[in-house]
């Protein structure tokens, strides 16, 4: 079984949701997914730095636990 990346999983989830809700509700879900992707990308860019470096650049600190 092949591993599926985060983006592919999010896309699959979005496809499932799109079929079961109207457009007015779906936009809220889609915006949430986009925000989570932004946070993930920002975190990965600064992963090797310490917490203070994240805060200086207004990036959410996501602890491992």
C-alpha atoms as a PDB file:
ATOM      1  CA  UNK A   1       0.000   0.000   0.000  1.00  0.00           C
ATOM      2  CA  UNK A   2       1.479   3.334  -1.058  1.00  0.00           C
ATOM      3  CA  UNK A   3       1.718   6.206   1.386  1.00  0.00           C
ATOM      4  CA  UNK A   4      -0.464   9.159   0.536  1.00  0.00           C
ATOM      5  CA  UNK A   5       0.911  12.662   1.129  1.00  0.00           C
ATOM      6  CA  UNK A   6      -0.842  15.301   3.194  1.00  0.00           C
ATOM      7  CA  UNK A   7      -1.968  17.260   0.148  1.00  0.00           C
ATOM      8  CA  UNK A   8      -3.533  14.174  -1.445  1.00  0.00           C
ATOM      9  CA  UNK A   9      -5.343  13.300   1.792  1.00  0.00           C
ATOM     10  CA  UNK A  10      -6.694  16.846   2.065  1.00  0.00           C
ATOM     11  CA  UNK A  11      -7.840  16.755  -1.546  1.00  0.00           C
ATOM     12  CA  UNK A  12      -9.647  13.443  -1.000  1.00  0.00           C
ATOM     13  CA  UNK A  13     -11.334  14.816   2.128  1.00  0.00           C
ATOM     14  CA  UNK A  14     -12.404  17.929   0.238  1.00  0.00           C
ATOM     15  CA  UNK A  15     -13.917  15.786  -2.535  1.00  0.00           C
ATOM     16  CA  UNK A  16     -15.957  13.815  -0.002  1.00  0.00           C
ATOM     17  CA  UNK A  17     -17.201  16.959   1.733  1.00  0.00           C
ATOM     18  CA  UNK A  18     -18.061  18.738  -1.497  1.00  0.00           C
ATOM     19  CA  UNK A  19     -20.690  16.153  -2.339  1.00  0.00           C
ATOM     20  CA  UNK A  20     -22.518  16.377   0.985  1.00  0.00           C
ATOM     21  CA  UNK A  21     -22.863  20.117   1.642  1.00  0.00           C
ATOM     22  CA  UNK A  22     -23.897  23.262  -0.177  1.00  0.00           C
ATOM     23  CA  UNK A  23     -21.406  25.824  -1.468  1.00  0.00           C
ATOM     24  CA  UNK A  24     -22.018  28.288   1.384  1.00  0.00           C
ATOM     25  CA  UNK A  25     -20.900  25.691   3.940  1.00  0.00           C
ATOM     26  CA  UNK A  26     -18.131  24.226   1.799  1.00  0.00           C
ATOM     27  CA  UNK A  27     -16.272  27.538   1.510  1.00  0.00           C
ATOM     28  CA  UNK A  28     -15.758  27.536   5.293  1.00  0.00           C
ATOM     29  CA  UNK A  29     -14.274  24.044   5.166  1.00  0.00           C
ATOM     30  CA  UNK A  30     -12.074  24.910   2.192  1.00  0.00           C
ATOM     31  CA  UNK A  31     -10.734  28.042   3.886  1.00  0.00           C
ATOM     32  CA  UNK A  32      -9.902  25.996   6.984  1.00  0.00           C
ATOM     33  CA  UNK A  33      -7.989  23.480   4.884  1.00  0.00           C
ATOM     34  CA  UNK A  34      -6.074  26.264   3.130  1.00  0.00           C
ATOM     35  CA  UNK A  35      -5.187  27.797   6.512  1.00  0.00           C
ATOM     36  CA  UNK A  36      -3.913  24.449   7.826  1.00  0.00           C
ATOM     37  CA  UNK A  37      -1.777  24.015   4.715  1.00  0.00           C
ATOM     38  CA  UNK A  38      -0.323  27.505   5.200  1.00  0.00           C
ATOM     39  CA  UNK A  39       0.522  26.732   8.842  1.00  0.00           C
ATOM     40  CA  UNK A  40       2.094  23.433   7.819  1.00  0.00           C
ATOM     41  CA  UNK A  41       4.240  25.066   5.126  1.00  0.00           C
ATOM     42  CA  UNK A  42       5.354  27.857   7.449  1.00  0.00           C
ATOM     43  CA  UNK A  43       6.250  25.359  10.151  1.00  0.00           C
ATOM     44  CA  UNK A  44       8.283  23.192   7.782  1.00  0.00           C
ATOM     45  CA  UNK A  45      10.296  26.212   6.570  1.00  0.00           C
ATOM     46  CA  UNK A  46      11.418  27.039  10.109  1.00  0.00           C
ATOM     47  CA  UNK A  47      11.462  23.508  11.558  1.00  0.00           C
ATOM     48  CA  UNK A  48      15.108  23.556  12.538  1.00  0.00           C
ATOM     49  CA  UNK A  49      14.850  26.842  14.406  1.00  0.00           C
ATOM     50  CA  UNK A  50      13.726  27.370  17.991  1.00  0.00           C
ATOM     51  CA  UNK A  51      10.382  28.622  19.279  1.00  0.00           C
ATOM     52  CA  UNK A  52      11.544  32.241  19.540  1.00  0.00           C
ATOM     53  CA  UNK A  53      12.404  32.322  15.842  1.00  0.00           C
ATOM     54  CA  UNK A  54       8.859  31.231  14.998  1.00  0.00           C
ATOM     55  CA  UNK A  55       7.332  33.921  17.184  1.00  0.00           C
ATOM     56  CA  UNK A  56       9.543  36.663  15.722  1.00  0.00           C
ATOM     57  CA  UNK A  57       8.229  35.880  12.235  1.00  0.00           C
ATOM     58  CA  UNK A  58       4.593  35.436  13.391  1.00  0.00           C
ATOM     59  CA  UNK A  59       4.514  31.721  12.591  1.00  0.00           C
ATOM     60  CA  UNK A  60       2.405  29.408  14.757  1.00  0.00           C
ATOM     61  CA  UNK A  61       4.556  27.177  16.959  1.00  0.00           C
ATOM     62  CA  UNK A  62       3.371  23.581  16.645  1.00  0.00           C
ATOM     63  CA  UNK A  63       4.992  21.387  19.313  1.00  0.00           C
ATOM     64  CA  UNK A  64       5.554  17.694  18.504  1.00  0.00           C
ATOM     65  CA  UNK A  65       3.316  16.489  21.287  1.00  0.00           C
END
